[in-house]
């Protein structure tokens, strides 16, 4: 790499990319289950997940804040 800061930022970039891909995959799965209600209905009961979406959103914010603090301290 050309600059030392690029080498330092590389693990953070990879982690952010991985988390982004997980979010996109979860969104595609949720959208597919919404459009085709019987898709994975036994393995992934969508009604269970959609009822507590606000709790999941709060949990995601909490986890994001936790990791941001943890990574900034390193």
Protein backbone atom coordinates (compact mmCIF):
# COMPACT_ATOMS: atom_id res chain seq x y z
CA UNK A 1 0.00 0.00 0.00
CA UNK A 2 1.15 3.48 -0.73
CA UNK A 3 0.47 5.09 2.66
CA UNK A 4 0.82 3.78 6.20
CA UNK A 5 -2.68 5.01 7.08
CA UNK A 6 -4.15 2.79 4.37
CA UNK A 7 -2.60 -0.22 6.05
CA UNK A 8 -4.06 0.88 9.38
CA UNK A 9 -7.55 1.44 7.97
CA UNK A 10 -7.69 -1.84 6.03
CA UNK A 11 -9.10 -4.04 8.87
CA UNK A 12 -11.77 -1.45 9.64
CA UNK A 13 -12.74 -1.30 5.98
CA UNK A 14 -13.01 -5.09 5.77
CA UNK A 15 -15.14 -5.21 8.94
CA UNK A 16 -17.44 -2.46 7.66
CA UNK A 17 -17.77 -4.21 4.30
CA UNK A 18 -18.61 -7.52 5.98
CA UNK A 19 -21.25 -5.89 8.20
CA UNK A 20 -22.73 -4.10 5.20
CA UNK A 21 -23.02 -7.37 3.29
CA UNK A 22 -24.71 -9.01 6.30
CA UNK A 23 -27.23 -6.15 6.44
CA UNK A 24 -27.95 -6.34 2.72
CA UNK A 25 -28.37 -10.12 2.90
CA UNK A 26 -30.75 -9.83 5.85
CA UNK A 27 -32.73 -7.16 4.01
CA UNK A 28 -33.01 -9.28 0.87
CA UNK A 29 -34.11 -12.24 2.95
CA UNK A 30 -36.69 -10.16 4.84
CA UNK A 31 -38.00 -8.70 1.59
CA UNK A 32 -38.25 -12.12 -0.02
CA UNK A 33 -40.15 -13.50 2.97
CA UNK A 34 -42.48 -10.49 2.86
CA UNK A 35 -43.24 -10.95 -0.85
CA UNK A 36 -43.40 -14.76 -0.68
CA UNK A 37 -44.85 -15.50 2.77
CA UNK A 38 -44.28 -19.26 2.56
CA UNK A 39 -40.58 -18.90 1.71
CA UNK A 40 -38.65 -20.41 4.63
CA UNK A 41 -41.81 -20.17 6.74
CA UNK A 42 -40.84 -23.12 8.91
CA UNK A 43 -37.20 -22.21 9.40
CA UNK A 44 -37.69 -18.42 9.75
CA UNK A 45 -41.10 -17.38 11.11
CA UNK A 46 -41.35 -13.83 9.76
CA UNK A 47 -44.24 -12.81 11.99
CA UNK A 48 -42.03 -13.41 15.03
CA UNK A 49 -39.34 -11.10 13.69
CA UNK A 50 -41.60 -8.35 12.37
CA UNK A 51 -43.45 -7.82 15.66
CA UNK A 52 -40.36 -6.73 17.56
CA UNK A 53 -38.65 -4.67 14.88
CA UNK A 54 -38.27 -1.64 17.15
CA UNK A 55 -36.45 -3.78 19.70
CA UNK A 56 -34.11 -5.08 17.02
CA UNK A 57 -33.43 -1.54 15.82
CA UNK A 58 -32.59 -0.42 19.36
CA UNK A 59 -30.38 -3.47 19.76
CA UNK A 60 -28.54 -2.70 16.52
CA UNK A 61 -27.90 0.85 17.67
CA UNK A 62 -26.63 -0.40 21.02
CA UNK A 63 -24.32 -2.95 19.40
CA UNK A 64 -23.06 -0.34 16.96
CA UNK A 65 -22.27 2.06 19.77
CA UNK A 66 -20.56 -0.71 21.73
CA UNK A 67 -18.33 -1.71 18.80
CA UNK A 68 -17.54 1.88 17.88
CA UNK A 69 -16.33 2.53 21.43
CA UNK A 70 -14.42 -0.73 21.52
CA UNK A 71 -12.69 -0.12 18.19
CA UNK A 72 -11.89 3.52 18.92
CA UNK A 73 -10.17 2.53 22.17
CA UNK A 74 -7.88 0.08 20.39
